[in-house]
Amino acid sequence: MTRTTSARTETVPTPAGDARVTWHPAPVPRAVLAAGHGAGGGVEARDLRALADALPARGVTVALVEQPWRVAGRKLAPAPRTLDAAWRALWPALAGPGLPVVAGGRSAGARVACRTARELGACAVLALAFPLHPPGRPERSRAEELLGAGLPTLVVQGGRDPFGRPEEFPALPAGAELAEVPYGDHGFAVPKTAGIGQDAALGVLTGAAADWLDRVLDRA
């Protein structure tokens, strides 16, 4: 897939330092998906890139948000409260186009979105590879963050994600859905022996997100 229009990058000051937003604009936008990265990588993650490629053609501008710690070149993510503070400070820029904003992200970025979306006025939450628990530690559940989002929510989870396989998730509240990417790990990579190729796996992800966004925005 190719992007329909050129991306542009914006630097946004926050209490934690400068953040960076890379905009992938839709030709005829009807919403913005603001998507943050995880604690182990940046906006180059394959799932975020796939959304930036696919969604503008469906009328959704994708804003990939790089947290200040990544912009500054640090290797370790700060505490959740610092991530949340930066996200809150970024929000006016994300809402600047005057369109409905879907708060989203992958892994730690999904947690930030779940914790802050309702207070910031987001219309929905897209949680990619939500880290339900640390690998091998199911007793340390983070389900409360997800269940407390209080907005229409889509969780897209890899079938073999060590941070929480789809069958490990609790029953989701009304308005929340879970879509599985078969054989996907925490980064939605699939093994060569899987019954689905990497491009097809990412197609499952982007298709689920696009169809869900259509439903959410039609109701907005």
C-alpha atoms as a PDB file:
ATOM      1  CA  MET A   1       0.000   0.000   0.000  1.00  0.00           C
ATOM      2  CA  THR A   2       1.090   3.595  -0.531  1.00  0.00           C
ATOM      3  CA  ARG A   3       0.067   6.703   1.311  1.00  0.00           C
ATOM      4  CA  THR A   4      -2.409   8.874  -0.556  1.00  0.00           C
ATOM      5  CA  THR A   5      -0.810  12.174   0.521  1.00  0.00           C
ATOM      6  CA  SER A   6       2.515  13.326   1.908  1.00  0.00           C
ATOM      7  CA  ALA A   7       3.115  13.090   5.630  1.00  0.00           C
ATOM      8  CA  ARG A   8       4.069  16.169   7.609  1.00  0.00           C
ATOM      9  CA  THR A   9       5.722  16.410  11.003  1.00  0.00           C
ATOM     10  CA  GLU A  10       4.880  18.817  13.819  1.00  0.00           C
ATOM     11  CA  THR A  11       6.809  19.418  17.047  1.00  0.00           C
ATOM     12  CA  VAL A  12       4.627  19.993  20.095  1.00  0.00           C
ATOM     13  CA  PRO A  13       5.984  21.158  23.470  1.00  0.00           C
ATOM     14  CA  THR A  14       4.857  19.265  26.574  1.00  0.00           C
ATOM     15  CA  PRO A  15       5.853  19.361  30.274  1.00  0.00           C
ATOM     16  CA  ALA A  16       8.052  16.312  29.588  1.00  0.00           C
ATOM     17  CA  GLY A  17       9.820  17.883  26.603  1.00  0.00           C
ATOM     18  CA  ASP A  18       9.087  18.179  22.908  1.00  0.00           C
ATOM     19  CA  ALA A  19       6.884  15.543  21.326  1.00  0.00           C
ATOM     20  CA  ARG A  20       6.567  14.888  17.618  1.00  0.00           C
ATOM     21  CA  VAL A  21       3.410  14.254  15.629  1.00  0.00           C
ATOM     22  CA  THR A  22       3.606  12.842  12.113  1.00  0.00           C
ATOM     23  CA  TRP A  23       0.393  13.533  10.249  1.00  0.00           C
ATOM     24  CA  HIS A  24      -0.825  11.234   7.476  1.00  0.00           C
ATOM     25  CA  PRO A  25      -3.780  13.231   6.152  1.00  0.00           C
ATOM     26  CA  ALA A  26      -6.874  11.804   4.536  1.00  0.00           C
ATOM     27  CA  PRO A  27      -7.866  13.493   1.260  1.00  0.00           C
ATOM     28  CA  VAL A  28     -11.378  14.031   2.621  1.00  0.00           C
ATOM     29  CA  PRO A  29     -11.038  13.612   6.383  1.00  0.00           C
ATOM     30  CA  ARG A  30     -13.912  12.804   8.710  1.00  0.00           C
ATOM     31  CA  ALA A  31     -11.895  11.910  11.821  1.00  0.00           C
ATOM     32  CA  VAL A  32      -8.407  11.754  13.297  1.00  0.00           C
ATOM     33  CA  LEU A  33      -6.825   8.639  14.765  1.00  0.00           C
ATOM     34  CA  ALA A  34      -4.155   9.719  17.256  1.00  0.00           C
ATOM     35  CA  ALA A  35      -1.875   6.739  17.858  1.00  0.00           C
ATOM     36  CA  GLY A  36       0.971   6.487  20.351  1.00  0.00           C
ATOM     37  CA  HIS A  37       3.812   3.975  20.355  1.00  0.00           C
ATOM     38  CA  GLY A  38       4.888   1.407  22.909  1.00  0.00           C
ATOM     39  CA  ALA A  39       7.619   1.399  25.524  1.00  0.00           C
ATOM     40  CA  GLY A  40       9.960  -0.695  23.394  1.00  0.00           C
ATOM     41  CA  GLY A  41       9.782   1.140  20.087  1.00  0.00           C
ATOM     42  CA  GLY A  42       8.514   4.148  18.195  1.00  0.00           C
ATOM     43  CA  VAL A  43       6.101   5.121  15.473  1.00  0.00           C
ATOM     44  CA  GLU A  44       7.948   2.897  13.000  1.00  0.00           C
ATOM     45  CA  ALA A  45       6.151  -0.139  14.479  1.00  0.00           C
ATOM     46  CA  ARG A  46       4.607  -2.280  11.758  1.00  0.00           C
ATOM     47  CA  ASP A  47       1.035  -1.940  13.036  1.00  0.00           C
ATOM     48  CA  LEU A  48       1.220   1.858  13.260  1.00  0.00           C
ATOM     49  CA  ARG A  49       2.766   2.092   9.795  1.00  0.00           C
ATOM     50  CA  ALA A  50       0.063  -0.171   8.404  1.00  0.00           C
ATOM     51  CA  LEU A  51      -2.686   2.041   9.824  1.00  0.00           C
ATOM     52  CA  ALA A  52      -0.998   5.160   8.435  1.00  0.00           C
ATOM     53  CA  ASP A  53      -0.927   3.482   5.020  1.00  0.00           C
ATOM     54  CA  ALA A  54      -4.475   2.168   5.022  1.00  0.00           C
ATOM     55  CA  LEU A  55      -6.764   4.543   6.881  1.00  0.00           C
ATOM     56  CA  PRO A  56      -6.396   7.872   5.021  1.00  0.00           C
ATOM     57  CA  ALA A  57      -8.108   6.309   1.995  1.00  0.00           C
ATOM     58  CA  ARG A  58     -11.009   5.489   4.328  1.00  0.00           C
ATOM     59  CA  GLY A  59     -11.349   9.124   5.421  1.00  0.00           C
ATOM     60  CA  VAL A  60      -9.315   8.905   8.644  1.00  0.00           C
ATOM     61  CA  THR A  61      -6.279  11.120   9.130  1.00  0.00           C
ATOM     62  CA  VAL A  62      -3.649   9.252  11.158  1.00  0.00           C
ATOM     63  CA  ALA A  63      -1.515  11.216  13.615  1.00  0.00           C
ATOM     64  CA  LEU A  64       1.410   9.124  14.864  1.00  0.00           C
ATOM     65  CA  VAL A  65       2.586  10.513  18.178  1.00  0.00           C
ATOM     66  CA  GLU A  66       6.177  10.173  19.334  1.00  0.00           C
ATOM     67  CA  GLN A  67       6.485  10.726  23.069  1.00  0.00           C
ATOM     68  CA  PRO A  68       9.149  13.169  24.361  1.00  0.00           C
ATOM     69  CA  TRP A  69      11.408  10.452  25.733  1.00  0.00           C
ATOM     70  CA  ARG A  70      11.745   8.956  22.264  1.00  0.00           C
ATOM     71  CA  VAL A  71      12.259  12.353  20.624  1.00  0.00           C
ATOM     72  CA  ALA A  72      15.048  13.035  23.127  1.00  0.00           C
ATOM     73  CA  GLY A  73      16.735   9.725  22.259  1.00  0.00           C
ATOM     74  CA  ARG A  74      16.266   8.094  25.649  1.00  0.00           C
ATOM     75  CA  LYS A  75      15.971   4.315  25.765  1.00  0.00           C
ATOM     76  CA  LEU A  76      13.630   3.876  28.729  1.00  0.00           C
ATOM     77  CA  ALA A  77      10.064   5.103  28.945  1.00  0.00           C
ATOM     78  CA  PRO A  78       9.165   7.240  31.957  1.00  0.00           C
ATOM     79  CA  ALA A  79       6.442   6.530  34.511  1.00  0.00           C
ATOM     80  CA  PRO A  80       2.839   6.280  33.315  1.00  0.00           C
ATOM     81  CA  ARG A  81       1.922   9.631  34.893  1.00  0.00           C
ATOM     82  CA  THR A  82       4.615  11.321  32.752  1.00  0.00           C
ATOM     83  CA  LEU A  83       3.358   9.620  29.599  1.00  0.00           C
ATOM     84  CA  ASP A  84      -0.187  10.698  30.418  1.00  0.00           C
ATOM     85  CA  ALA A  85       0.879  14.297  31.104  1.00  0.00           C
ATOM     86  CA  ALA A  86       2.612  14.542  27.740  1.00  0.00           C
ATOM     87  CA  TRP A  87      -0.405  13.033  25.973  1.00  0.00           C
ATOM     88  CA  ARG A  88      -2.749  15.526  27.648  1.00  0.00           C
ATOM     89  CA  ALA A  89      -0.506  18.401  26.582  1.00  0.00           C
ATOM     90  CA  LEU A  90      -0.484  17.095  23.005  1.00  0.00           C
ATOM     91  CA  TRP A  91      -4.228  16.752  22.774  1.00  0.00           C
ATOM     92  CA  PRO A  92      -5.058  20.324  21.615  1.00  0.00           C
ATOM     93  CA  ALA A  93      -2.802  19.788  18.595  1.00  0.00           C
ATOM     94  CA  LEU A  94      -4.471  16.452  17.842  1.00  0.00           C
ATOM     95  CA  ALA A  95      -7.925  18.014  18.128  1.00  0.00           C
ATOM     96  CA  GLY A  96      -6.848  21.066  16.166  1.00  0.00           C
ATOM     97  CA  PRO A  97      -8.386  20.007  12.835  1.00  0.00           C
ATOM     98  CA  GLY A  98     -11.803  20.161  14.514  1.00  0.00           C
ATOM     99  CA  LEU A  99     -12.682  16.548  13.708  1.00  0.00           C
ATOM    100  CA  PRO A 100     -13.704  13.695  16.015  1.00  0.00           C
ATOM    101  CA  VAL A 101     -10.561  12.191  17.534  1.00  0.00           C
ATOM    102  CA  VAL A 102     -10.088   8.497  18.255  1.00  0.00           C
ATOM    103  CA  ALA A 103      -7.457   7.956  20.950  1.00  0.00           C
ATOM    104  CA  GLY A 104      -5.249   5.014  20.176  1.00  0.00           C
ATOM    105  CA  GLY A 105      -1.887   3.401  20.423  1.00  0.00           C
ATOM    106  CA  ARG A 106      -0.011   0.169  20.727  1.00  0.00           C
ATOM    107  CA  SER A 107       1.028  -1.497  23.995  1.00  0.00           C
ATOM    108  CA  ALA A 108       1.985   1.248  26.475  1.00  0.00           C
ATOM    109  CA  GLY A 109       0.438   3.768  24.085  1.00  0.00           C
ATOM    110  CA  ALA A 110      -2.839   1.858  24.275  1.00  0.00           C
ATOM    111  CA  ARG A 111      -2.711   2.101  28.060  1.00  0.00           C
ATOM    112  CA  VAL A 112      -2.233   5.876  27.852  1.00  0.00           C
ATOM    113  CA  ALA A 113      -5.209   6.138  25.502  1.00  0.00           C
ATOM    114  CA  CYS A 114      -7.432   4.067  27.795  1.00  0.00           C
ATOM    115  CA  ARG A 115      -6.488   6.093  30.864  1.00  0.00           C
ATOM    116  CA  THR A 116      -7.069   9.524  29.312  1.00  0.00           C
ATOM    117  CA  ALA A 117      -9.482   9.260  26.376  1.00  0.00           C
ATOM    118  CA  ARG A 118     -12.714  10.046  28.138  1.00  0.00           C
ATOM    119  CA  GLU A 119     -11.453  13.096  30.028  1.00  0.00           C
ATOM    120  CA  LEU A 120      -9.921  14.515  26.846  1.00  0.00           C
ATOM    121  CA  GLY A 121     -13.108  14.199  24.814  1.00  0.00           C
ATOM    122  CA  ALA A 122     -12.088  11.390  22.465  1.00  0.00           C
ATOM    123  CA  CYS A 123     -14.939   9.665  20.675  1.00  0.00           C
ATOM    124  CA  ALA A 124     -13.475   6.132  20.946  1.00  0.00           C
ATOM    125  CA  VAL A 125     -10.354   4.116  21.781  1.00  0.00           C
ATOM    126  CA  LEU A 126      -8.293   1.848  19.515  1.00  0.00           C
ATOM    127  CA  ALA A 127      -6.018  -0.395  21.587  1.00  0.00           C
ATOM    128  CA  LEU A 128      -3.411  -2.358  19.646  1.00  0.00           C
ATOM    129  CA  ALA A 129      -1.540  -5.157  21.443  1.00  0.00           C
ATOM    130  CA  PHE A 130      -2.926  -4.090  24.815  1.00  0.00           C
ATOM    131  CA  PRO A 131      -0.464  -5.381  27.461  1.00  0.00           C
ATOM    132  CA  LEU A 132      -2.979  -7.152  29.656  1.00  0.00           C
ATOM    133  CA  HIS A 133      -0.180  -8.415  31.915  1.00  0.00           C
ATOM    134  CA  PRO A 134       3.607  -8.784  31.871  1.00  0.00           C
ATOM    135  CA  PRO A 135       4.711 -11.965  30.090  1.00  0.00           C
ATOM    136  CA  GLY A 136       4.255 -14.960  32.364  1.00  0.00           C
ATOM    137  CA  ARG A 137       2.578 -12.866  35.079  1.00  0.00           C
ATOM    138  CA  PRO A 138      -1.188 -13.109  34.469  1.00  0.00           C
ATOM    139  CA  GLU A 139      -1.847 -12.230  38.108  1.00  0.00           C
ATOM    140  CA  ARG A 140      -0.595  -8.687  37.414  1.00  0.00           C
ATOM    141  CA  SER A 141      -3.578  -7.765  35.284  1.00  0.00           C
ATOM    142  CA  ARG A 142      -4.072  -4.329  33.769  1.00  0.00           C
ATOM    143  CA  ALA A 143      -7.632  -5.105  32.713  1.00  0.00           C
ATOM    144  CA  GLU A 144      -8.992  -2.295  34.876  1.00  0.00           C
ATOM    145  CA  GLU A 145      -7.418   0.317  32.606  1.00  0.00           C
ATOM    146  CA  LEU A 146      -9.027  -1.211  29.544  1.00  0.00           C
ATOM    147  CA  LEU A 147     -12.411  -1.824  31.132  1.00  0.00           C
ATOM    148  CA  GLY A 148     -12.461   1.685  32.551  1.00  0.00           C
ATOM    149  CA  ALA A 149     -12.014   3.490  29.232  1.00  0.00           C
ATOM    150  CA  GLY A 150     -15.731   4.295  29.189  1.00  0.00           C
ATOM    151  CA  LEU A 151     -15.896   4.735  25.412  1.00  0.00           C
ATOM    152  CA  PRO A 152     -16.433   2.545  22.354  1.00  0.00           C
ATOM    153  CA  THR A 153     -13.252   0.489  22.222  1.00  0.00           C
ATOM    154  CA  LEU A 154     -11.620  -1.919  19.809  1.00  0.00           C
ATOM    155  CA  VAL A 155      -8.800  -4.151  21.043  1.00  0.00           C
ATOM    156  CA  VAL A 156      -6.709  -5.744  18.283  1.00  0.00           C
ATOM    157  CA  GLN A 157      -4.589  -8.546  19.738  1.00  0.00           C
ATOM    158  CA  GLY A 158      -2.165 -11.055  18.314  1.00  0.00           C
ATOM    159  CA  GLY A 159      -3.168 -14.681  18.780  1.00  0.00           C
ATOM    160  CA  ARG A 160       0.132 -15.525  20.495  1.00  0.00           C
ATOM    161  CA  ASP A 161       0.851 -12.244  22.277  1.00  0.00           C
ATOM    162  CA  PRO A 162       2.758 -13.071  25.498  1.00  0.00           C
ATOM    163  CA  PHE A 163       1.355  -9.906  27.080  1.00  0.00           C
ATOM    164  CA  GLY A 164      -2.142 -11.348  26.778  1.00  0.00           C
ATOM    165  CA  ARG A 165      -3.666 -13.719  24.258  1.00  0.00           C
ATOM    166  CA  PRO A 166      -7.223 -12.967  23.112  1.00  0.00           C
ATOM    167  CA  GLU A 167      -8.703 -15.800  25.196  1.00  0.00           C
ATOM    168  CA  GLU A 168      -7.166 -14.316  28.363  1.00  0.00           C
ATOM    169  CA  PHE A 169      -9.153 -11.091  28.153  1.00  0.00           C
ATOM    170  CA  PRO A 170     -12.129 -10.648  30.461  1.00  0.00           C
ATOM    171  CA  ALA A 171     -15.612 -10.104  29.138  1.00  0.00           C
ATOM    172  CA  LEU A 172     -15.636  -6.632  27.617  1.00  0.00           C
ATOM    173  CA  PRO A 173     -18.363  -4.112  28.419  1.00  0.00           C
ATOM    174  CA  ALA A 174     -21.035  -3.097  25.947  1.00  0.00           C
ATOM    175  CA  GLY A 175     -19.504  -1.035  23.168  1.00  0.00           C
ATOM    176  CA  ALA A 176     -16.132  -2.771  23.348  1.00  0.00           C
ATOM    177  CA  GLU A 177     -14.885  -5.373  20.868  1.00  0.00           C
ATOM    178  CA  LEU A 178     -11.843  -7.597  20.424  1.00  0.00           C
ATOM    179  CA  ALA A 179     -10.365  -8.633  17.078  1.00  0.00           C
ATOM    180  CA  GLU A 180      -7.678 -11.302  16.773  1.00  0.00           C
ATOM    181  CA  VAL A 181      -4.756 -11.315  14.354  1.00  0.00           C
ATOM    182  CA  PRO A 182      -4.029 -15.036  13.956  1.00  0.00           C
ATOM    183  CA  TYR A 183      -0.528 -16.135  14.999  1.00  0.00           C
ATOM    184  CA  GLY A 184       0.508 -12.548  15.743  1.00  0.00           C
ATOM    185  CA  ASP A 185       2.950 -11.788  18.546  1.00  0.00           C
ATOM    186  CA  HIS A 186       3.102  -8.542  20.549  1.00  0.00           C
ATOM    187  CA  GLY A 187       4.343  -6.703  17.462  1.00  0.00           C
ATOM    188  CA  PHE A 188       1.902  -8.579  15.167  1.00  0.00           C
ATOM    189  CA  ALA A 189       4.744 -10.495  13.556  1.00  0.00           C
ATOM    190  CA  VAL A 190       3.693 -13.935  12.348  1.00  0.00           C
ATOM    191  CA  PRO A 191       6.036 -16.928  11.987  1.00  0.00           C
ATOM    192  CA  LYS A 192       6.914 -18.189   8.537  1.00  0.00           C
ATOM    193  CA  THR A 193       5.195 -21.467   9.400  1.00  0.00           C
ATOM    194  CA  ALA A 194       1.885 -19.738  10.137  1.00  0.00           C
ATOM    195  CA  GLY A 195      -1.108 -20.231   7.907  1.00  0.00           C
ATOM    196  CA  ILE A 196      -1.124 -16.509   7.124  1.00  0.00           C
ATOM    197  CA  GLY A 197       1.542 -14.244   5.652  1.00  0.00           C
ATOM    198  CA  GLN A 198       2.755 -11.012   7.230  1.00  0.00           C
ATOM    199  CA  ASP A 199       0.960  -8.758   4.763  1.00  0.00           C
ATOM    200  CA  ALA A 200      -2.264 -10.693   5.208  1.00  0.00           C
ATOM    201  CA  ALA A 201      -1.938 -10.485   8.999  1.00  0.00           C
ATOM    202  CA  LEU A 202      -1.571  -6.727   8.828  1.00  0.00           C
ATOM    203  CA  GLY A 203      -4.532  -6.682   6.475  1.00  0.00           C
ATOM    204  CA  VAL A 204      -6.608  -8.345   9.195  1.00  0.00           C
ATOM    205  CA  LEU A 205      -5.523  -5.604  11.591  1.00  0.00           C
ATOM    206  CA  THR A 206      -6.196  -2.671   9.299  1.00  0.00           C
ATOM    207  CA  GLY A 207      -9.446  -4.166   8.021  1.00  0.00           C
ATOM    208  CA  ALA A 208     -10.766  -4.669  11.551  1.00  0.00           C
ATOM    209  CA  ALA A 209      -9.773  -1.133  12.521  1.00  0.00           C
ATOM    210  CA  ALA A 210     -11.249   0.458   9.395  1.00  0.00           C
ATOM    211  CA  ASP A 211     -14.575  -1.390   9.641  1.00  0.00           C
ATOM    212  CA  TRP A 212     -14.865  -0.556  13.354  1.00  0.00           C
ATOM    213  CA  LEU A 213     -14.066   3.106  12.694  1.00  0.00           C
ATOM    214  CA  ASP A 214     -16.795   3.211  10.044  1.00  0.00           C
ATOM    215  CA  ARG A 215     -19.311   1.956  12.593  1.00  0.00           C
ATOM    216  CA  VAL A 216     -18.138   4.297  15.351  1.00  0.00           C
ATOM    217  CA  LEU A 217     -18.110   7.373  13.131  1.00  0.00           C
ATOM    218  CA  ASP A 218     -21.489   6.570  11.603  1.00  0.00           C
ATOM    219  CA  ARG A 219     -22.923   6.663  15.138  1.00  0.00           C
ATOM    220  CA  ALA A 220     -21.062   9.817  16.169  1.00  0.00           C
END
